N, C-alpha and C. Protein backbone atom coordinates (compact mmCIF):
# COMPACT_ATOMS: atom_id res chain seq x y z
N MET A 1 93.71 115.27 76.45
CA MET A 1 94.47 114.47 75.51
C MET A 1 95.87 114.99 75.60
N LEU A 2 96.78 114.04 75.71
CA LEU A 2 98.20 114.37 75.73
C LEU A 2 98.83 113.86 74.51
N ILE A 3 99.55 114.81 73.75
CA ILE A 3 100.22 114.53 72.54
C ILE A 3 101.80 114.69 72.65
N PRO A 4 102.51 113.62 72.63
CA PRO A 4 103.98 113.74 72.67
C PRO A 4 104.48 114.35 71.31
N LEU A 5 105.52 115.25 71.50
CA LEU A 5 106.03 115.83 70.20
C LEU A 5 107.13 114.87 69.70
N ARG A 6 107.63 113.98 70.36
CA ARG A 6 108.59 112.98 69.86
C ARG A 6 108.22 111.69 70.46
N PRO A 7 108.47 110.58 69.63
CA PRO A 7 108.17 109.30 70.22
C PRO A 7 108.95 108.91 71.50
N GLY A 8 108.29 108.24 72.33
CA GLY A 8 109.04 107.77 73.55
C GLY A 8 108.99 108.72 74.78
N LEU A 9 108.35 109.79 74.54
CA LEU A 9 108.16 110.73 75.74
C LEU A 9 107.30 110.18 76.77
N PRO A 10 107.61 110.46 78.01
CA PRO A 10 106.76 109.80 79.15
C PRO A 10 105.48 110.43 79.59
N ALA A 11 104.69 110.66 78.57
CA ALA A 11 103.44 111.33 78.85
C ALA A 11 102.52 110.72 79.93
N ALA A 12 102.41 109.32 79.81
CA ALA A 12 101.54 108.59 80.72
C ALA A 12 102.18 108.70 82.16
N ARG A 13 103.50 108.49 82.26
CA ARG A 13 104.21 108.46 83.58
C ARG A 13 104.04 109.79 84.25
N ILE A 14 104.20 110.85 83.55
CA ILE A 14 104.08 112.25 84.16
C ILE A 14 102.57 112.50 84.50
N ALA A 15 101.60 112.09 83.75
CA ALA A 15 100.22 112.28 84.04
C ALA A 15 99.90 111.46 85.28
N LEU A 16 100.41 110.27 85.32
CA LEU A 16 100.04 109.46 86.57
C LEU A 16 100.68 110.19 87.91
N ALA A 17 101.86 110.78 87.70
CA ALA A 17 102.51 111.42 88.90
C ALA A 17 101.79 112.65 89.35
N ALA A 18 100.89 113.27 88.44
CA ALA A 18 100.11 114.41 88.71
C ALA A 18 98.61 113.91 88.96
N ASP A 19 98.47 112.65 89.40
CA ASP A 19 97.18 112.11 89.82
C ASP A 19 96.22 112.07 88.79
N ALA A 20 96.53 112.01 87.46
CA ALA A 20 95.56 111.91 86.37
C ALA A 20 95.11 110.50 86.21
N ARG A 21 93.97 110.28 85.72
CA ARG A 21 93.57 108.87 85.35
C ARG A 21 93.72 108.68 83.93
N LEU A 22 94.36 107.60 83.53
CA LEU A 22 94.55 107.27 82.17
C LEU A 22 93.24 106.61 81.66
N LEU A 23 92.72 107.11 80.48
CA LEU A 23 91.41 106.53 80.05
C LEU A 23 91.57 105.72 78.81
N ALA A 24 92.55 106.13 77.90
CA ALA A 24 92.61 105.32 76.63
C ALA A 24 93.87 105.84 75.81
N ALA A 25 94.24 105.04 74.84
CA ALA A 25 95.30 105.48 73.98
C ALA A 25 94.67 106.49 73.02
N GLY A 26 95.35 107.50 72.57
CA GLY A 26 94.79 108.45 71.78
C GLY A 26 95.51 108.38 70.44
N PRO A 27 95.14 109.34 69.56
CA PRO A 27 95.72 109.30 68.32
C PRO A 27 97.22 109.81 68.23
N GLY A 28 97.99 109.43 67.32
CA GLY A 28 99.43 109.92 67.16
C GLY A 28 100.36 109.61 68.38
N GLY A 29 100.05 108.51 69.00
CA GLY A 29 100.85 108.04 70.18
C GLY A 29 100.40 108.89 71.44
N GLY A 30 99.33 109.51 71.37
CA GLY A 30 98.90 110.21 72.56
C GLY A 30 98.11 109.47 73.56
N VAL A 31 97.75 110.11 74.65
CA VAL A 31 97.10 109.44 75.74
C VAL A 31 95.92 110.26 76.08
N ILE A 32 94.78 109.69 76.33
CA ILE A 32 93.55 110.39 76.86
C ILE A 32 93.51 110.21 78.32
N VAL A 33 93.42 111.26 79.04
CA VAL A 33 93.54 111.34 80.47
C VAL A 33 92.35 112.18 81.03
N ARG A 34 92.04 111.98 82.34
CA ARG A 34 91.16 112.86 83.07
C ARG A 34 91.99 113.25 84.28
N GLY A 35 92.16 114.65 84.45
CA GLY A 35 92.84 115.13 85.51
C GLY A 35 92.83 116.65 85.54
N ASP A 36 93.56 117.21 86.52
CA ASP A 36 93.68 118.63 86.78
C ASP A 36 94.64 119.28 85.79
N ARG A 37 94.15 120.13 84.85
CA ARG A 37 94.92 120.66 83.81
C ARG A 37 95.97 121.46 84.38
N ASP A 38 95.76 122.23 85.44
CA ASP A 38 96.82 123.08 86.08
C ASP A 38 98.05 122.26 86.57
N ALA A 39 97.70 121.01 87.11
CA ALA A 39 98.74 120.15 87.54
C ALA A 39 99.52 119.49 86.47
N LEU A 40 98.89 119.29 85.35
CA LEU A 40 99.45 118.53 84.15
C LEU A 40 100.14 119.44 83.32
N PHE A 41 99.68 120.64 82.95
CA PHE A 41 100.23 121.46 81.80
C PHE A 41 101.64 121.59 81.85
N TRP A 42 102.28 122.35 82.81
CA TRP A 42 103.68 122.69 82.85
C TRP A 42 104.60 121.54 82.92
N PRO A 43 104.45 120.61 83.79
CA PRO A 43 105.31 119.42 83.77
C PRO A 43 105.34 118.72 82.37
N LEU A 44 104.21 118.53 81.81
CA LEU A 44 104.15 117.83 80.42
C LEU A 44 104.82 118.72 79.36
N LEU A 45 104.58 119.99 79.35
CA LEU A 45 105.12 120.82 78.37
C LEU A 45 106.62 120.85 78.49
N ARG A 46 107.17 120.86 79.65
CA ARG A 46 108.58 120.77 79.90
C ARG A 46 109.21 119.59 79.32
N ALA A 47 108.43 118.46 79.37
CA ALA A 47 108.92 117.20 78.85
C ALA A 47 108.56 116.95 77.37
N GLY A 48 107.92 117.96 76.79
CA GLY A 48 107.74 117.94 75.36
C GLY A 48 106.40 117.24 74.94
N VAL A 49 105.41 117.32 75.78
CA VAL A 49 104.17 116.75 75.60
C VAL A 49 103.07 117.91 75.63
N LEU A 50 102.22 118.02 74.60
CA LEU A 50 101.23 119.00 74.51
C LEU A 50 100.02 118.49 75.22
N THR A 51 99.35 119.36 76.05
CA THR A 51 98.11 119.07 76.71
C THR A 51 97.00 119.72 75.86
N MET A 52 96.03 119.00 75.44
CA MET A 52 95.00 119.55 74.66
C MET A 52 93.57 119.19 75.24
N ALA A 53 92.66 120.04 75.23
CA ALA A 53 91.35 119.77 75.73
C ALA A 53 90.57 119.28 74.47
N ALA A 54 89.65 118.38 74.75
CA ALA A 54 88.73 117.86 73.63
C ALA A 54 87.46 117.48 74.16
N PRO A 55 86.38 117.63 73.52
CA PRO A 55 85.16 117.20 73.99
C PRO A 55 85.10 115.68 74.07
N ALA A 56 84.37 115.14 74.98
CA ALA A 56 84.31 113.74 75.25
C ALA A 56 83.95 112.99 74.03
N ALA A 57 83.04 113.44 73.19
CA ALA A 57 82.66 112.73 71.93
C ALA A 57 83.78 112.44 71.10
N LEU A 58 84.81 113.32 71.02
CA LEU A 58 85.96 113.17 70.16
C LEU A 58 87.05 112.13 70.81
N CYS A 59 86.83 111.93 72.10
CA CYS A 59 87.74 111.06 72.83
C CYS A 59 87.15 109.68 73.11
N GLY A 60 86.07 109.35 72.49
CA GLY A 60 85.49 108.01 72.62
C GLY A 60 84.45 107.94 73.72
N GLY A 61 84.11 109.02 74.25
CA GLY A 61 83.13 109.12 75.36
C GLY A 61 81.76 109.72 74.81
N ARG A 62 80.83 109.80 75.72
CA ARG A 62 79.53 110.34 75.30
C ARG A 62 79.57 111.87 75.30
N ALA A 63 78.76 112.45 74.46
CA ALA A 63 78.70 113.87 74.27
C ALA A 63 77.87 114.52 75.37
C-alpha cells in the first residue's frame, strides 16, 4: 500500500515505472499495489510517498 504524505503526489506513476501492478485505490488517497518492495521503496520515499506492507485481507483480498 502506498500512502502519499501530501495530496497530488505521483504514487501511481512512480509505482508503474517500477513495474508494480496497480490493484485498487487505498485509504487516504493511497494506492494498493503489487510489486517489488526494493524497487519501490526509495523512489517513492524520495517523492514523499510511504510504502507500507499490509495483509491481503486488509487490502480487499483473501486472507
